[in-house]
Amino acid sequence: LSDNINLHRSPPIDENVTAAGIFCDTLVTSQGGVGSTSYLRQFEKYARTNDIGDRDGLKHKAASCWKSHNSSSISFNGRCFSKVLVVIGDPLHTIESTWRRFGV
């Protein structure tokens, strides 16, 4: 994303709330190895997102773990998201990323 894209900014973010990872607007998720961290770096400038370092465990969570609410949001363990960006790419990059990070 370019910095000159005119996106609507979220209201000011309370440091205590985002540190706990409770109130987030946009979930950025992927199978891994496809640049989701880069997308998160850009999106966090404009919206509340899941944790860029995956400390909340949501960046690579399987789709089957999420619950739909009123067709307008999804949640996992009480964390709701009204927008979702799924980053996809070459499956070989996913395998390489998993091997590099976890040695499996």
C-alpha atoms as a PDB file:
ATOM      1  CA  LEU A   1       0.000   0.000   0.000  1.00  0.00           C
ATOM      2  CA  SER A   2       1.162   3.449  -0.771  1.00  0.00           C
ATOM      3  CA  ASP A   3       1.191   6.090   1.944  1.00  0.00           C
ATOM      4  CA  ASN A   4      -0.832   8.386  -0.293  1.00  0.00           C
ATOM      5  CA  ILE A   5      -3.915   6.138  -0.383  1.00  0.00           C
ATOM      6  CA  ASN A   6      -6.823   8.015   1.168  1.00  0.00           C
ATOM      7  CA  LEU A   7      -8.061   5.591   3.840  1.00  0.00           C
ATOM      8  CA  HIS A   8     -10.346   6.537   6.689  1.00  0.00           C
ATOM      9  CA  ARG A   9      -8.399   6.524   9.928  1.00  0.00           C
ATOM     10  CA  SER A  10      -9.725   4.733  12.970  1.00  0.00           C
ATOM     11  CA  PRO A  11     -10.360   6.683  16.164  1.00  0.00           C
ATOM     12  CA  PRO A  12      -7.314   7.164  18.419  1.00  0.00           C
ATOM     13  CA  ILE A  13      -6.028   3.867  19.731  1.00  0.00           C
ATOM     14  CA  ASP A  14      -5.809   3.334  23.489  1.00  0.00           C
ATOM     15  CA  GLU A  15      -2.343   1.834  24.161  1.00  0.00           C
ATOM     16  CA  ASN A  16      -3.668  -0.460  26.913  1.00  0.00           C
ATOM     17  CA  VAL A  17      -6.388  -1.871  24.705  1.00  0.00           C
ATOM     18  CA  THR A  18      -4.136  -2.669  21.734  1.00  0.00           C
ATOM     19  CA  ALA A  19      -1.398  -4.104  23.961  1.00  0.00           C
ATOM     20  CA  ALA A  20      -3.966  -6.605  25.222  1.00  0.00           C
ATOM     21  CA  GLY A  21      -5.087  -7.230  21.637  1.00  0.00           C
ATOM     22  CA  ILE A  22      -8.760  -6.946  22.534  1.00  0.00           C
ATOM     23  CA  PHE A  23     -10.346  -4.385  20.204  1.00  0.00           C
ATOM     24  CA  CYS A  24      -9.263  -4.739  16.595  1.00  0.00           C
ATOM     25  CA  ASP A  25     -10.925  -3.657  13.368  1.00  0.00           C
ATOM     26  CA  THR A  26      -8.975  -5.479  10.666  1.00  0.00           C
ATOM     27  CA  LEU A  27      -7.562  -8.993  10.726  1.00  0.00           C
ATOM     28  CA  VAL A  28      -4.606  -9.633   8.413  1.00  0.00           C
ATOM     29  CA  THR A  29      -4.010 -13.349   8.037  1.00  0.00           C
ATOM     30  CA  SER A  30      -2.134 -15.754   5.759  1.00  0.00           C
ATOM     31  CA  GLN A  31      -0.706 -19.235   5.505  1.00  0.00           C
ATOM     32  CA  GLY A  32       2.755 -17.713   6.091  1.00  0.00           C
ATOM     33  CA  GLY A  33       5.670 -16.759   3.878  1.00  0.00           C
ATOM     34  CA  VAL A  34       3.631 -14.410   1.676  1.00  0.00           C
ATOM     35  CA  GLY A  35       4.249 -10.940   3.122  1.00  0.00           C
ATOM     36  CA  SER A  36       1.518 -10.572   5.741  1.00  0.00           C
ATOM     37  CA  THR A  37       3.956  -8.730   8.030  1.00  0.00           C
ATOM     38  CA  SER A  38       4.484  -6.090   5.329  1.00  0.00           C
ATOM     39  CA  TYR A  39       0.737  -5.661   4.923  1.00  0.00           C
ATOM     40  CA  LEU A  40       0.335  -5.363   8.697  1.00  0.00           C
ATOM     41  CA  ARG A  41       3.023  -2.639   8.829  1.00  0.00           C
ATOM     42  CA  GLN A  42       1.009  -0.590   6.346  1.00  0.00           C
ATOM     43  CA  PHE A  43      -2.448  -1.294   7.746  1.00  0.00           C
ATOM     44  CA  GLU A  44      -1.540  -0.523  11.347  1.00  0.00           C
ATOM     45  CA  LYS A  45      -0.994   3.105  10.259  1.00  0.00           C
ATOM     46  CA  TYR A  46      -4.687   3.397   9.359  1.00  0.00           C
ATOM     47  CA  ALA A  47      -6.623   0.836  11.403  1.00  0.00           C
ATOM     48  CA  ARG A  48      -6.431  -1.346  14.461  1.00  0.00           C
ATOM     49  CA  THR A  49      -5.066  -4.748  13.448  1.00  0.00           C
ATOM     50  CA  ASN A  50      -3.959  -8.015  14.956  1.00  0.00           C
ATOM     51  CA  ASP A  51      -0.400  -8.105  16.320  1.00  0.00           C
ATOM     52  CA  ILE A  52       2.349  -7.711  13.702  1.00  0.00           C
ATOM     53  CA  GLY A  53       4.614 -10.116  15.647  1.00  0.00           C
ATOM     54  CA  ASP A  54       1.799 -12.672  16.018  1.00  0.00           C
ATOM     55  CA  ARG A  55       1.943 -12.496  19.815  1.00  0.00           C
ATOM     56  CA  ASP A  56      -1.857 -12.802  19.746  1.00  0.00           C
ATOM     57  CA  GLY A  57      -1.608 -15.974  17.615  1.00  0.00           C
ATOM     58  CA  LEU A  58      -4.035 -14.661  14.982  1.00  0.00           C
ATOM     59  CA  LYS A  59      -1.823 -13.997  11.958  1.00  0.00           C
ATOM     60  CA  HIS A  60      -1.802 -17.636  10.787  1.00  0.00           C
ATOM     61  CA  LYS A  61      -4.935 -18.987  12.528  1.00  0.00           C
ATOM     62  CA  ALA A  62      -6.869 -21.581  10.473  1.00  0.00           C
ATOM     63  CA  ALA A  63     -10.163 -20.395   8.976  1.00  0.00           C
ATOM     64  CA  SER A  64     -12.025 -23.195  10.762  1.00  0.00           C
ATOM     65  CA  CYS A  65     -11.265 -21.543  14.142  1.00  0.00           C
ATOM     66  CA  TRP A  66     -13.307 -18.404  13.406  1.00  0.00           C
ATOM     67  CA  LYS A  67     -16.987 -17.879  14.188  1.00  0.00           C
ATOM     68  CA  SER A  68     -19.264 -15.670  12.094  1.00  0.00           C
ATOM     69  CA  HIS A  69     -21.534 -13.084  13.764  1.00  0.00           C
ATOM     70  CA  ASN A  70     -24.492 -11.447  11.977  1.00  0.00           C
ATOM     71  CA  SER A  71     -22.675 -11.808   8.625  1.00  0.00           C
ATOM     72  CA  SER A  72     -20.741  -8.645   9.484  1.00  0.00           C
ATOM     73  CA  SER A  73     -17.901  -9.812  11.719  1.00  0.00           C
ATOM     74  CA  ILE A  74     -15.894 -12.834  12.820  1.00  0.00           C
ATOM     75  CA  SER A  75     -14.435 -13.669  16.210  1.00  0.00           C
ATOM     76  CA  PHE A  76     -12.007 -15.989  17.966  1.00  0.00           C
ATOM     77  CA  ASN A  77     -11.751 -16.182  21.763  1.00  0.00           C
ATOM     78  CA  GLY A  78     -13.729 -12.949  22.160  1.00  0.00           C
ATOM     79  CA  ARG A  79     -11.702 -10.916  19.648  1.00  0.00           C
ATOM     80  CA  CYS A  80     -13.927  -9.498  16.895  1.00  0.00           C
ATOM     81  CA  PHE A  81     -12.961  -8.250  13.455  1.00  0.00           C
ATOM     82  CA  SER A  82     -15.241  -6.510  10.993  1.00  0.00           C
ATOM     83  CA  LYS A  83     -12.729  -6.620   8.111  1.00  0.00           C
ATOM     84  CA  VAL A  84     -10.427  -9.431   7.009  1.00  0.00           C
ATOM     85  CA  LEU A  85      -7.519  -9.380   4.568  1.00  0.00           C
ATOM     86  CA  VAL A  86      -6.308 -12.844   3.582  1.00  0.00           C
ATOM     87  CA  VAL A  87      -2.860 -12.667   1.974  1.00  0.00           C
ATOM     88  CA  ILE A  88      -2.202 -15.589  -0.369  1.00  0.00           C
ATOM     89  CA  GLY A  89       0.802 -16.575  -2.410  1.00  0.00           C
ATOM     90  CA  ASP A  90       3.031 -19.367  -3.623  1.00  0.00           C
ATOM     91  CA  PRO A  91       2.636 -22.462  -1.382  1.00  0.00           C
ATOM     92  CA  LEU A  92       6.379 -23.164  -1.733  1.00  0.00           C
ATOM     93  CA  HIS A  93       7.088 -19.883   0.076  1.00  0.00           C
ATOM     94  CA  THR A  94       4.866 -21.103   2.905  1.00  0.00           C
ATOM     95  CA  ILE A  95       6.863 -24.318   3.213  1.00  0.00           C
ATOM     96  CA  GLU A  96      10.144 -22.382   3.137  1.00  0.00           C
ATOM     97  CA  SER A  97       8.871 -19.931   5.780  1.00  0.00           C
ATOM     98  CA  THR A  98       7.694 -22.743   8.068  1.00  0.00           C
ATOM     99  CA  TRP A  99      11.028 -24.563   7.721  1.00  0.00           C
ATOM    100  CA  ARG A 100      12.997 -21.355   8.378  1.00  0.00           C
ATOM    101  CA  ARG A 101      10.983 -20.446  11.486  1.00  0.00           C
ATOM    102  CA  PHE A 102      10.332 -23.819  13.071  1.00  0.00           C
ATOM    103  CA  GLY A 103      12.692 -26.321  11.427  1.00  0.00           C
ATOM    104  CA  VAL A 104       9.847 -28.680  10.542  1.00  0.00           C
END
